[in-house]
Amino acid sequence: MKDGDNVGKIFCLMGKSSSGKDTISRKLLLDEELNLKPVLPYTTRPMRHNESQGLEYHFVAEDLLTHYRKMGKIIEQRDYATVNGRWSYCTIDDGQINLAQDNYYLLIATLESYKNLQNYFGALNVIPLYIEVNDGVRLLRALNREKQQLEPNYEELCRRFLADSKDFCKQQLEDFGVQKYYSNETIKECISNLKTDIVRVMSFY
């Protein structure tokens, strides 16, 4: 699939853990003016108590991913060695994305998955939206969220927090062509800025 072949675009919402991506994604998807379509990723990690099947993710077993892999349907996959074993996250070509129909999509991604999506759908068809939050604020948010889990996993929280510092360092962002950051110190202002740029992209194409 080459750049410019399609009218629709994919917006990739990225950021370190606890930067507010889930909340921002939900609010943008609820905006009727934007009419963004969600792209649900697949994961083998356990479902959290405040999550629902088919809402945040498709929570699946490893054998289903193996099935899609044999069919050549996996667009991108990331594997993480967590304190609870290996967890996989991936985007699958299961019919959710059809850029030829003038659809605009929103998904939460990492830098790696963002690049793989560009390789699959074309660089001009995949737009980065990077959320930035002060590390101290993020850590407090992460701790508060973990406290609400039935079985808090602070060791995994720390692993993710440290890994993010490397995965989303300034050099990495520059290498992947991510130049604009959206501060989420105030979520209302952050969403307003995101919406402005999303509408601009829609109007340009």
N, C-alpha and C. Protein backbone atom coordinates (compact mmCIF):
# COMPACT_ATOMS: atom_id res chain seq x y z
N MET A 1 0.85 -1.20 0.00
CA MET A 1 0.00 0.00 0.00
C MET A 1 0.88 1.24 0.00
N LYS A 2 0.70 2.15 -0.96
CA LYS A 2 1.61 3.27 -1.12
C LYS A 2 0.98 4.56 -0.63
N ASP A 3 1.88 5.53 -0.31
CA ASP A 3 1.41 6.84 0.11
C ASP A 3 0.55 7.47 -0.97
N GLY A 4 -0.54 8.10 -0.52
CA GLY A 4 -1.36 8.82 -1.46
C GLY A 4 -2.42 7.98 -2.14
N ASP A 5 -2.43 6.67 -1.93
CA ASP A 5 -3.42 5.80 -2.56
C ASP A 5 -4.79 5.96 -1.91
N ASN A 6 -4.83 6.45 -0.68
CA ASN A 6 -6.06 6.45 0.09
C ASN A 6 -6.44 7.85 0.54
N VAL A 7 -7.69 8.02 0.89
CA VAL A 7 -8.18 9.29 1.41
C VAL A 7 -8.16 9.29 2.93
N GLY A 8 -8.47 8.16 3.56
CA GLY A 8 -8.49 8.08 5.01
C GLY A 8 -7.10 8.09 5.61
N LYS A 9 -7.05 8.31 6.94
CA LYS A 9 -5.77 8.35 7.66
C LYS A 9 -5.91 7.60 8.98
N ILE A 10 -4.76 7.21 9.52
CA ILE A 10 -4.70 6.57 10.83
C ILE A 10 -3.94 7.50 11.77
N PHE A 11 -4.57 7.89 12.87
CA PHE A 11 -3.91 8.71 13.88
C PHE A 11 -3.39 7.80 14.99
N CYS A 12 -2.09 7.88 15.24
CA CYS A 12 -1.46 7.05 16.28
C CYS A 12 -1.21 7.88 17.53
N LEU A 13 -1.93 7.56 18.59
CA LEU A 13 -1.78 8.25 19.87
C LEU A 13 -0.68 7.54 20.66
N MET A 14 0.38 8.28 20.99
CA MET A 14 1.53 7.68 21.65
C MET A 14 1.93 8.46 22.89
N GLY A 15 2.63 7.80 23.78
CA GLY A 15 3.12 8.46 24.98
C GLY A 15 3.56 7.43 26.00
N LYS A 16 4.27 7.88 26.99
CA LYS A 16 4.72 6.99 28.05
C LYS A 16 3.53 6.51 28.88
N SER A 17 3.74 5.49 29.68
CA SER A 17 2.67 4.95 30.52
C SER A 17 2.14 6.04 31.45
N SER A 18 0.84 6.01 31.68
CA SER A 18 0.15 6.97 32.56
C SER A 18 0.24 8.41 32.05
N SER A 19 0.36 8.58 30.75
CA SER A 19 0.35 9.93 30.20
C SER A 19 -1.07 10.37 29.82
N GLY A 20 -2.04 9.47 30.01
CA GLY A 20 -3.44 9.81 29.76
C GLY A 20 -3.97 9.36 28.42
N LYS A 21 -3.26 8.46 27.76
CA LYS A 21 -3.66 8.03 26.41
C LYS A 21 -5.06 7.43 26.38
N ASP A 22 -5.38 6.56 27.34
CA ASP A 22 -6.69 5.89 27.33
C ASP A 22 -7.82 6.91 27.47
N THR A 23 -7.66 7.84 28.39
CA THR A 23 -8.69 8.86 28.60
C THR A 23 -8.84 9.76 27.38
N ILE A 24 -7.72 10.18 26.83
CA ILE A 24 -7.75 11.04 25.64
C ILE A 24 -8.37 10.30 24.47
N SER A 25 -8.01 9.05 24.29
CA SER A 25 -8.57 8.26 23.20
C SER A 25 -10.08 8.17 23.31
N ARG A 26 -10.58 7.87 24.51
CA ARG A 26 -12.04 7.75 24.70
C ARG A 26 -12.75 9.05 24.36
N LYS A 27 -12.19 10.18 24.79
CA LYS A 27 -12.84 11.47 24.54
C LYS A 27 -12.82 11.84 23.07
N LEU A 28 -11.72 11.56 22.39
CA LEU A 28 -11.65 11.85 20.96
C LEU A 28 -12.61 10.97 20.17
N LEU A 29 -12.73 9.72 20.57
CA LEU A 29 -13.63 8.80 19.86
C LEU A 29 -15.09 9.16 20.07
N LEU A 30 -15.39 9.82 21.19
CA LEU A 30 -16.76 10.23 21.47
C LEU A 30 -17.14 11.53 20.77
N ASP A 31 -16.15 12.22 20.21
CA ASP A 31 -16.40 13.50 19.53
C ASP A 31 -17.06 13.23 18.18
N GLU A 32 -18.34 13.56 18.06
CA GLU A 32 -19.09 13.27 16.84
C GLU A 32 -18.60 14.09 15.66
N GLU A 33 -18.03 15.24 15.92
CA GLU A 33 -17.52 16.07 14.83
C GLU A 33 -16.33 15.40 14.15
N LEU A 34 -15.49 14.74 14.94
CA LEU A 34 -14.32 14.06 14.38
C LEU A 34 -14.71 12.74 13.72
N ASN A 35 -15.66 12.04 14.34
CA ASN A 35 -16.13 10.75 13.81
C ASN A 35 -14.99 9.77 13.56
N LEU A 36 -14.07 9.70 14.50
CA LEU A 36 -12.94 8.77 14.39
C LEU A 36 -13.40 7.35 14.70
N LYS A 37 -12.83 6.40 13.99
CA LYS A 37 -13.15 5.00 14.24
C LYS A 37 -12.03 4.36 15.05
N PRO A 38 -12.38 3.59 16.08
CA PRO A 38 -11.35 2.95 16.89
C PRO A 38 -10.74 1.75 16.19
N VAL A 39 -9.49 1.50 16.47
CA VAL A 39 -8.82 0.27 16.03
C VAL A 39 -8.40 -0.48 17.29
N LEU A 40 -9.05 -1.60 17.52
CA LEU A 40 -8.77 -2.35 18.75
C LEU A 40 -7.57 -3.28 18.55
N PRO A 41 -6.53 -3.10 19.35
CA PRO A 41 -5.39 -4.02 19.27
C PRO A 41 -5.71 -5.32 20.00
N TYR A 42 -4.88 -6.29 19.80
CA TYR A 42 -4.98 -7.58 20.46
C TYR A 42 -3.86 -7.69 21.50
N THR A 43 -4.13 -8.34 22.60
CA THR A 43 -3.10 -8.54 23.61
C THR A 43 -3.30 -9.86 24.34
N THR A 44 -2.19 -10.43 24.78
CA THR A 44 -2.25 -11.66 25.58
C THR A 44 -2.12 -11.36 27.07
N ARG A 45 -1.99 -10.07 27.42
CA ARG A 45 -1.87 -9.76 28.85
C ARG A 45 -3.21 -9.94 29.55
N PRO A 46 -3.20 -10.16 30.86
CA PRO A 46 -4.47 -10.32 31.59
C PRO A 46 -5.30 -9.03 31.57
N MET A 47 -6.59 -9.19 31.59
CA MET A 47 -7.50 -8.06 31.63
C MET A 47 -7.51 -7.45 33.03
N ARG A 48 -7.43 -6.13 33.11
CA ARG A 48 -7.54 -5.45 34.40
C ARG A 48 -9.00 -5.41 34.83
N HIS A 49 -9.21 -5.17 36.11
CA HIS A 49 -10.57 -5.28 36.65
C HIS A 49 -11.50 -4.23 36.09
N ASN A 50 -10.95 -3.09 35.62
CA ASN A 50 -11.79 -2.02 35.08
C ASN A 50 -11.84 -2.04 33.55
N GLU A 51 -11.41 -3.14 32.93
CA GLU A 51 -11.43 -3.27 31.48
C GLU A 51 -12.50 -4.26 31.05
N SER A 52 -12.88 -4.18 29.77
CA SER A 52 -13.90 -5.08 29.23
C SER A 52 -13.42 -5.67 27.92
N GLN A 53 -13.77 -6.91 27.67
CA GLN A 53 -13.39 -7.57 26.42
C GLN A 53 -13.98 -6.81 25.23
N GLY A 54 -13.11 -6.46 24.26
CA GLY A 54 -13.58 -5.79 23.07
C GLY A 54 -13.79 -4.30 23.22
N LEU A 55 -13.42 -3.75 24.36
CA LEU A 55 -13.55 -2.30 24.56
C LEU A 55 -12.19 -1.63 24.47
N GLU A 56 -11.26 -1.99 25.36
CA GLU A 56 -9.90 -1.46 25.28
C GLU A 56 -9.01 -2.30 24.36
N TYR A 57 -9.18 -3.62 24.46
CA TYR A 57 -8.40 -4.57 23.68
C TYR A 57 -9.25 -5.80 23.36
N HIS A 58 -8.75 -6.58 22.41
CA HIS A 58 -9.20 -7.95 22.27
C HIS A 58 -8.22 -8.77 23.12
N PHE A 59 -8.69 -9.30 24.23
CA PHE A 59 -7.84 -10.11 25.10
C PHE A 59 -7.90 -11.55 24.60
N VAL A 60 -6.75 -12.05 24.15
CA VAL A 60 -6.74 -13.35 23.48
C VAL A 60 -5.61 -14.22 24.02
N ALA A 61 -5.69 -15.51 23.67
CA ALA A 61 -4.63 -16.46 24.01
C ALA A 61 -3.58 -16.46 22.89
N GLU A 62 -2.41 -16.94 23.21
CA GLU A 62 -1.30 -16.95 22.26
C GLU A 62 -1.62 -17.74 21.00
N ASP A 63 -2.41 -18.81 21.14
CA ASP A 63 -2.68 -19.66 19.96
C ASP A 63 -3.47 -18.91 18.88
N LEU A 64 -4.29 -17.93 19.28
CA LEU A 64 -5.01 -17.15 18.27
C LEU A 64 -4.05 -16.26 17.48
N LEU A 65 -3.07 -15.69 18.16
CA LEU A 65 -2.07 -14.89 17.46
C LEU A 65 -1.26 -15.77 16.50
N THR A 66 -0.97 -16.97 16.92
CA THR A 66 -0.26 -17.91 16.04
C THR A 66 -1.07 -18.18 14.78
N HIS A 67 -2.39 -18.31 14.95
CA HIS A 67 -3.30 -18.52 13.81
C HIS A 67 -3.23 -17.35 12.84
N TYR A 68 -3.32 -16.11 13.35
CA TYR A 68 -3.26 -14.93 12.49
C TYR A 68 -1.89 -14.78 11.84
N ARG A 69 -0.86 -15.17 12.57
CA ARG A 69 0.50 -15.07 12.03
C ARG A 69 0.66 -15.99 10.82
N LYS A 70 0.12 -17.19 10.91
CA LYS A 70 0.19 -18.14 9.80
C LYS A 70 -0.57 -17.63 8.58
N MET A 71 -1.60 -16.83 8.83
CA MET A 71 -2.40 -16.27 7.75
C MET A 71 -1.77 -14.99 7.18
N GLY A 72 -0.70 -14.51 7.80
CA GLY A 72 -0.05 -13.28 7.35
C GLY A 72 -0.85 -12.04 7.66
N LYS A 73 -1.64 -12.09 8.72
CA LYS A 73 -2.55 -11.00 9.06
C LYS A 73 -2.02 -10.04 10.12
N ILE A 74 -0.89 -10.33 10.72
CA ILE A 74 -0.37 -9.46 11.77
C ILE A 74 0.39 -8.29 11.14
N ILE A 75 -0.12 -7.09 11.35
CA ILE A 75 0.50 -5.88 10.81
C ILE A 75 1.74 -5.52 11.62
N GLU A 76 1.62 -5.57 12.93
CA GLU A 76 2.74 -5.30 13.81
C GLU A 76 2.50 -6.01 15.14
N GLN A 77 3.61 -6.40 15.78
CA GLN A 77 3.52 -7.08 17.07
C GLN A 77 4.67 -6.65 17.97
N ARG A 78 4.34 -6.42 19.24
CA ARG A 78 5.36 -6.09 20.23
C ARG A 78 5.27 -7.10 21.37
N ASP A 79 6.41 -7.60 21.79
CA ASP A 79 6.46 -8.57 22.89
C ASP A 79 7.25 -7.98 24.04
N TYR A 80 6.72 -8.13 25.24
CA TYR A 80 7.37 -7.57 26.42
C TYR A 80 7.62 -8.67 27.45
N ALA A 81 8.85 -8.70 27.94
CA ALA A 81 9.19 -9.63 29.01
C ALA A 81 8.87 -8.97 30.34
N THR A 82 7.68 -9.24 30.87
CA THR A 82 7.24 -8.62 32.11
C THR A 82 7.59 -9.52 33.29
N VAL A 83 7.34 -9.01 34.49
CA VAL A 83 7.60 -9.81 35.68
C VAL A 83 6.63 -10.97 35.78
N ASN A 84 5.57 -10.94 34.96
CA ASN A 84 4.57 -12.01 34.95
C ASN A 84 4.66 -12.88 33.69
N GLY A 85 5.78 -12.77 32.98
CA GLY A 85 5.94 -13.54 31.75
C GLY A 85 5.82 -12.65 30.52
N ARG A 86 5.82 -13.26 29.34
CA ARG A 86 5.76 -12.49 28.10
C ARG A 86 4.33 -12.08 27.78
N TRP A 87 4.16 -10.79 27.49
CA TRP A 87 2.89 -10.26 27.04
C TRP A 87 3.06 -9.73 25.62
N SER A 88 2.13 -10.04 24.76
CA SER A 88 2.20 -9.59 23.38
C SER A 88 1.06 -8.60 23.09
N TYR A 89 1.38 -7.60 22.29
CA TYR A 89 0.40 -6.64 21.80
C TYR A 89 0.56 -6.58 20.29
N CYS A 90 -0.55 -6.53 19.57
CA CYS A 90 -0.41 -6.47 18.11
C CYS A 90 -1.64 -5.86 17.46
N THR A 91 -1.42 -5.37 16.23
CA THR A 91 -2.50 -4.89 15.38
C THR A 91 -2.66 -5.90 14.26
N ILE A 92 -3.88 -6.32 14.03
CA ILE A 92 -4.15 -7.38 13.06
C ILE A 92 -5.02 -6.87 11.92
N ASP A 93 -4.69 -7.29 10.72
CA ASP A 93 -5.49 -6.93 9.54
C ASP A 93 -6.74 -7.80 9.53
N ASP A 94 -7.70 -7.41 10.35
CA ASP A 94 -8.93 -8.19 10.52
C ASP A 94 -10.15 -7.49 9.94
N GLY A 95 -9.91 -6.48 9.11
CA GLY A 95 -11.01 -5.76 8.49
C GLY A 95 -11.38 -4.47 9.18
N GLN A 96 -10.73 -4.15 10.30
CA GLN A 96 -11.06 -2.93 11.02
C GLN A 96 -10.67 -1.68 10.24
N ILE A 97 -9.57 -1.75 9.49
CA ILE A 97 -9.03 -0.58 8.80
C ILE A 97 -9.28 -0.68 7.29
N ASN A 98 -9.95 0.35 6.75
CA ASN A 98 -10.17 0.43 5.30
C ASN A 98 -10.04 1.89 4.89
N LEU A 99 -8.82 2.30 4.55
CA LEU A 99 -8.55 3.69 4.23
C LEU A 99 -9.22 4.14 2.94
N ALA A 100 -9.49 3.20 2.05
CA ALA A 100 -10.10 3.55 0.77
C ALA A 100 -11.51 4.09 0.92
N GLN A 101 -12.14 3.85 2.07
CA GLN A 101 -13.52 4.31 2.30
C GLN A 101 -13.58 5.68 2.96
N ASP A 102 -12.47 6.43 2.90
CA ASP A 102 -12.45 7.79 3.46
C ASP A 102 -12.73 7.77 4.96
N ASN A 103 -12.24 6.75 5.66
CA ASN A 103 -12.40 6.65 7.10
C ASN A 103 -11.17 7.19 7.81
N TYR A 104 -11.38 7.73 8.99
CA TYR A 104 -10.27 8.20 9.83
C TYR A 104 -10.26 7.37 11.11
N TYR A 105 -9.10 6.87 11.46
CA TYR A 105 -8.98 5.93 12.57
C TYR A 105 -8.09 6.49 13.67
N LEU A 106 -8.33 5.99 14.88
CA LEU A 106 -7.51 6.36 16.03
C LEU A 106 -7.13 5.10 16.78
N LEU A 107 -5.83 4.96 17.07
CA LEU A 107 -5.38 3.84 17.89
C LEU A 107 -4.23 4.28 18.77
N ILE A 108 -4.04 3.58 19.86
CA ILE A 108 -2.93 3.83 20.77
C ILE A 108 -1.76 2.96 20.33
N ALA A 109 -0.58 3.57 20.20
CA ALA A 109 0.56 2.86 19.63
C ALA A 109 1.84 3.18 20.38
N THR A 110 2.86 2.39 20.11
CA THR A 110 4.22 2.69 20.54
C THR A 110 4.96 3.22 19.32
N LEU A 111 6.19 3.69 19.52
CA LEU A 111 6.97 4.16 18.38
C LEU A 111 7.21 3.03 17.38
N GLU A 112 7.47 1.85 17.91
CA GLU A 112 7.72 0.70 17.05
C GLU A 112 6.49 0.35 16.22
N SER A 113 5.33 0.29 16.86
CA SER A 113 4.12 -0.06 16.12
C SER A 113 3.73 1.04 15.15
N TYR A 114 4.00 2.29 15.53
CA TYR A 114 3.75 3.43 14.64
C TYR A 114 4.54 3.28 13.35
N LYS A 115 5.82 2.92 13.48
CA LYS A 115 6.66 2.76 12.29
C LYS A 115 6.20 1.57 11.45
N ASN A 116 5.82 0.49 12.09
CA ASN A 116 5.34 -0.68 11.35
C ASN A 116 4.03 -0.38 10.61
N LEU A 117 3.18 0.41 11.23
CA LEU A 117 1.94 0.82 10.57
C LEU A 117 2.24 1.69 9.35
N GLN A 118 3.24 2.55 9.48
CA GLN A 118 3.66 3.36 8.33
C GLN A 118 4.17 2.47 7.19
N ASN A 119 4.95 1.48 7.56
CA ASN A 119 5.48 0.57 6.54
C ASN A 119 4.36 -0.20 5.84
N TYR A 120 3.31 -0.52 6.58
CA TYR A 120 2.22 -1.34 6.05
C TYR A 120 1.24 -0.50 5.22
N PHE A 121 0.88 0.69 5.74
CA PHE A 121 -0.15 1.50 5.09
C PHE A 121 0.40 2.69 4.31
N GLY A 122 1.70 2.97 4.47
CA GLY A 122 2.29 4.15 3.82
C GLY A 122 2.51 5.27 4.82
N ALA A 123 3.68 5.89 4.77
CA ALA A 123 4.07 6.89 5.77
C ALA A 123 3.10 8.06 5.85
N LEU A 124 2.58 8.51 4.70
CA LEU A 124 1.69 9.67 4.70
C LEU A 124 0.30 9.35 5.23
N ASN A 125 0.00 8.08 5.36
CA ASN A 125 -1.33 7.67 5.82
C ASN A 125 -1.41 7.45 7.32
N VAL A 126 -0.27 7.56 8.02
CA VAL A 126 -0.23 7.32 9.47
C VAL A 126 0.34 8.55 10.16
N ILE A 127 -0.46 9.18 11.02
CA ILE A 127 -0.12 10.46 11.63
C ILE A 127 0.19 10.29 13.13
N PRO A 128 1.37 10.76 13.61
CA PRO A 128 1.70 10.62 15.03
C PRO A 128 1.09 11.72 15.89
N LEU A 129 0.60 11.33 17.07
CA LEU A 129 0.10 12.28 18.07
C LEU A 129 0.76 11.89 19.39
N TYR A 130 1.84 12.60 19.75
CA TYR A 130 2.62 12.21 20.94
C TYR A 130 2.22 13.04 22.16
N ILE A 131 1.81 12.34 23.22
CA ILE A 131 1.38 12.98 24.47
C ILE A 131 2.54 13.06 25.44
N GLU A 132 2.74 14.23 26.02
CA GLU A 132 3.86 14.43 26.94
C GLU A 132 3.35 14.88 28.31
N VAL A 133 3.88 14.25 29.37
CA VAL A 133 3.52 14.59 30.74
C VAL A 133 4.79 14.51 31.59
N ASN A 134 4.92 15.43 32.55
CA ASN A 134 6.04 15.41 33.48
C ASN A 134 6.16 14.05 34.15
N ASP A 135 7.38 13.53 34.29
CA ASP A 135 7.59 12.20 34.85
C ASP A 135 7.05 12.06 36.27
N GLY A 136 7.18 13.10 37.07
CA GLY A 136 6.66 13.05 38.43
C GLY A 136 5.16 12.90 38.46
N VAL A 137 4.49 13.63 37.60
CA VAL A 137 3.02 13.54 37.50
C VAL A 137 2.62 12.15 37.02
N ARG A 138 3.35 11.63 36.04
CA ARG A 138 3.04 10.30 35.51
C ARG A 138 3.19 9.22 36.58
N LEU A 139 4.24 9.33 37.38
CA LEU A 139 4.47 8.33 38.42
C LEU A 139 3.35 8.33 39.45
N LEU A 140 2.90 9.50 39.83
CA LEU A 140 1.79 9.59 40.79
C LEU A 140 0.51 8.99 40.20
N ARG A 141 0.27 9.27 38.93
CA ARG A 141 -0.92 8.72 38.26
C ARG A 141 -0.84 7.19 38.20
N ALA A 142 0.36 6.70 37.88
CA ALA A 142 0.54 5.26 37.76
C ALA A 142 0.32 4.57 39.11
N LEU A 143 0.84 5.17 40.17
CA LEU A 143 0.67 4.59 41.51
C LEU A 143 -0.80 4.57 41.92
N ASN A 144 -1.49 5.67 41.65
CA ASN A 144 -2.91 5.74 42.01
C ASN A 144 -3.74 4.73 41.23
N ARG A 145 -3.41 4.53 39.96
CA ARG A 145 -4.14 3.55 39.15
C ARG A 145 -3.87 2.14 39.64
N GLU A 146 -2.62 1.87 39.97
CA GLU A 146 -2.26 0.52 40.39
C GLU A 146 -2.90 0.17 41.73
N LYS A 147 -3.05 1.14 42.60
CA LYS A 147 -3.69 0.91 43.90
C LYS A 147 -5.12 0.42 43.74
N GLN A 148 -5.75 0.78 42.64
CA GLN A 148 -7.15 0.42 42.41
C GLN A 148 -7.31 -1.00 41.89
N GLN A 149 -6.21 -1.65 41.48
CA GLN A 149 -6.28 -3.01 40.98
C GLN A 149 -6.53 -3.99 42.13
N LEU A 150 -7.19 -5.09 41.82
CA LEU A 150 -7.45 -6.09 42.84
C LEU A 150 -6.16 -6.68 43.39
N GLU A 151 -5.17 -6.82 42.52
CA GLU A 151 -3.84 -7.30 42.93
C GLU A 151 -2.79 -6.37 42.34
N PRO A 152 -2.49 -5.26 43.03
CA PRO A 152 -1.52 -4.29 42.52
C PRO A 152 -0.17 -4.95 42.21
N ASN A 153 0.41 -4.55 41.09
CA ASN A 153 1.68 -5.11 40.64
C ASN A 153 2.67 -3.97 40.49
N TYR A 154 3.27 -3.56 41.61
CA TYR A 154 4.16 -2.41 41.60
C TYR A 154 5.48 -2.71 40.91
N GLU A 155 5.89 -3.95 40.91
CA GLU A 155 7.13 -4.31 40.24
C GLU A 155 7.00 -4.09 38.72
N GLU A 156 5.87 -4.51 38.16
CA GLU A 156 5.64 -4.31 36.74
C GLU A 156 5.49 -2.82 36.43
N LEU A 157 4.85 -2.08 37.32
CA LEU A 157 4.71 -0.63 37.15
C LEU A 157 6.09 0.02 37.01
N CYS A 158 7.02 -0.36 37.89
CA CYS A 158 8.37 0.21 37.86
C CYS A 158 9.10 -0.18 36.58
N ARG A 159 8.92 -1.44 36.15
CA ARG A 159 9.58 -1.89 34.93
C ARG A 159 9.13 -1.06 33.73
N ARG A 160 7.82 -0.85 33.63
CA ARG A 160 7.28 -0.09 32.52
C ARG A 160 7.75 1.36 32.57
N PHE A 161 7.76 1.94 33.77
CA PHE A 161 8.14 3.33 33.92
C PHE A 161 9.58 3.56 33.45
N LEU A 162 10.47 2.67 33.84
CA LEU A 162 11.87 2.79 33.45
C LEU A 162 12.06 2.51 31.96
N ALA A 163 11.33 1.52 31.44
CA ALA A 163 11.45 1.18 30.02
C ALA A 163 11.01 2.34 29.14
N ASP A 164 9.98 3.07 29.59
CA ASP A 164 9.47 4.19 28.80
C ASP A 164 10.51 5.29 28.62
N SER A 165 11.35 5.47 29.63
CA SER A 165 12.39 6.50 29.55
C SER A 165 13.33 6.24 28.39
N LYS A 166 13.56 4.97 28.11
CA LYS A 166 14.42 4.58 27.00
C LYS A 166 13.64 4.56 25.68
N ASP A 167 12.45 3.97 25.71
CA ASP A 167 11.68 3.80 24.48
C ASP A 167 11.23 5.12 23.88
N PHE A 168 10.94 6.12 24.74
CA PHE A 168 10.43 7.41 24.26
C PHE A 168 11.41 8.55 24.53
N CYS A 169 12.70 8.26 24.50
CA CYS A 169 13.69 9.31 24.70
C CYS A 169 13.64 10.28 23.51
N LYS A 170 14.17 11.46 23.70
CA LYS A 170 14.10 12.50 22.66
C LYS A 170 14.73 12.04 21.35
N GLN A 171 15.86 11.33 21.43
CA GLN A 171 16.52 10.87 20.22
C GLN A 171 15.67 9.87 19.45
N GLN A 172 15.00 8.98 20.21
CA GLN A 172 14.11 8.00 19.57
C GLN A 172 12.98 8.70 18.84
N LEU A 173 12.39 9.68 19.49
CA LEU A 173 11.28 10.41 18.88
C LEU A 173 11.73 11.11 17.59
N GLU A 174 12.91 11.71 17.64
CA GLU A 174 13.44 12.39 16.46
C GLU A 174 13.72 11.39 15.34
N ASP A 175 14.28 10.23 15.71
CA ASP A 175 14.60 9.21 14.71
C ASP A 175 13.36 8.70 13.99
N PHE A 176 12.23 8.69 14.72
CA PHE A 176 10.98 8.21 14.13
C PHE A 176 10.17 9.33 13.49
N GLY A 177 10.73 10.52 13.47
CA GLY A 177 10.06 11.64 12.80
C GLY A 177 8.95 12.29 13.59
N VAL A 178 8.93 12.07 14.91
CA VAL A 178 7.90 12.69 15.75
C VAL A 178 8.44 14.04 16.23
N GLN A 179 7.85 15.11 15.74
CA GLN A 179 8.39 16.45 16.00
C GLN A 179 7.51 17.28 16.93
N LYS A 180 6.22 17.00 16.96
CA LYS A 180 5.31 17.81 17.78
C LYS A 180 4.84 17.02 18.99
N TYR A 181 4.85 17.68 20.16
CA TYR A 181 4.39 17.06 21.40
C TYR A 181 3.13 17.79 21.88
N TYR A 182 2.22 17.03 22.49
CA TYR A 182 1.00 17.61 23.06
C TYR A 182 1.04 17.43 24.57
N SER A 183 1.18 18.53 25.29
CA SER A 183 1.27 18.47 26.74
C SER A 183 -0.09 18.11 27.35
N ASN A 184 -0.07 17.17 28.29
CA ASN A 184 -1.31 16.76 28.96
C ASN A 184 -1.28 17.15 30.44
N GLU A 185 -0.76 18.32 30.72
CA GLU A 185 -0.84 18.83 32.09
C GLU A 185 -2.29 19.21 32.41
N THR A 186 -2.99 19.70 31.39
CA THR A 186 -4.42 20.01 31.49
C THR A 186 -5.12 19.28 30.35
N ILE A 187 -5.91 18.26 30.69
CA ILE A 187 -6.45 17.38 29.64
C ILE A 187 -7.39 18.11 28.68
N LYS A 188 -8.16 19.07 29.17
CA LYS A 188 -9.08 19.79 28.29
C LYS A 188 -8.31 20.54 27.21
N GLU A 189 -7.21 21.19 27.60
CA GLU A 189 -6.40 21.93 26.64
C GLU A 189 -5.69 20.98 25.68
N CYS A 190 -5.23 19.85 26.21
CA CYS A 190 -4.55 18.85 25.38
C CYS A 190 -5.49 18.34 24.29
N ILE A 191 -6.69 17.97 24.66
CA ILE A 191 -7.66 17.44 23.70
C ILE A 191 -8.03 18.51 22.67
N SER A 192 -8.15 19.74 23.11
CA SER A 192 -8.46 20.84 22.19
C SER A 192 -7.36 20.99 21.14
N ASN A 193 -6.11 20.93 21.57
CA ASN A 193 -4.98 21.04 20.64
C ASN A 193 -4.93 19.86 19.67
N LEU A 194 -5.20 18.67 20.20
CA LEU A 194 -5.22 17.49 19.35
C LEU A 194 -6.33 17.59 18.30
N LYS A 195 -7.50 18.00 18.74
CA LYS A 195 -8.63 18.10 17.83
C LYS A 195 -8.35 19.11 16.71
N THR A 196 -7.74 20.22 17.07
CA THR A 196 -7.41 21.24 16.07
C THR A 196 -6.53 20.66 14.97
N ASP A 197 -5.52 19.90 15.36
CA ASP A 197 -4.60 19.34 14.37
C ASP A 197 -5.22 18.18 13.60
N ILE A 198 -6.07 17.39 14.26
CA ILE A 198 -6.75 16.31 13.56
C ILE A 198 -7.67 16.87 12.47
N VAL A 199 -8.42 17.91 12.81
CA VAL A 199 -9.31 18.56 11.83
C VAL A 199 -8.49 19.15 10.69
N ARG A 200 -7.33 19.70 11.02
CA ARG A 200 -6.46 20.26 9.98
C ARG A 200 -6.01 19.18 8.99
N VAL A 201 -5.65 18.04 9.50
CA VAL A 201 -5.24 16.92 8.63
C VAL A 201 -6.40 16.48 7.76
N MET A 202 -7.58 16.35 8.37
CA MET A 202 -8.76 15.93 7.61
C MET A 202 -9.08 16.94 6.49
N SER A 203 -8.93 18.21 6.78
CA SER A 203 -9.25 19.24 5.80
C SER A 203 -8.23 19.26 4.68
N PHE A 204 -6.96 19.00 5.01
CA PHE A 204 -5.88 19.04 4.01
C PHE A 204 -6.02 17.92 2.99
N TYR A 205 -6.38 16.73 3.50
CA TYR A 205 -6.49 15.58 2.60
C TYR A 205 -7.92 15.48 2.11
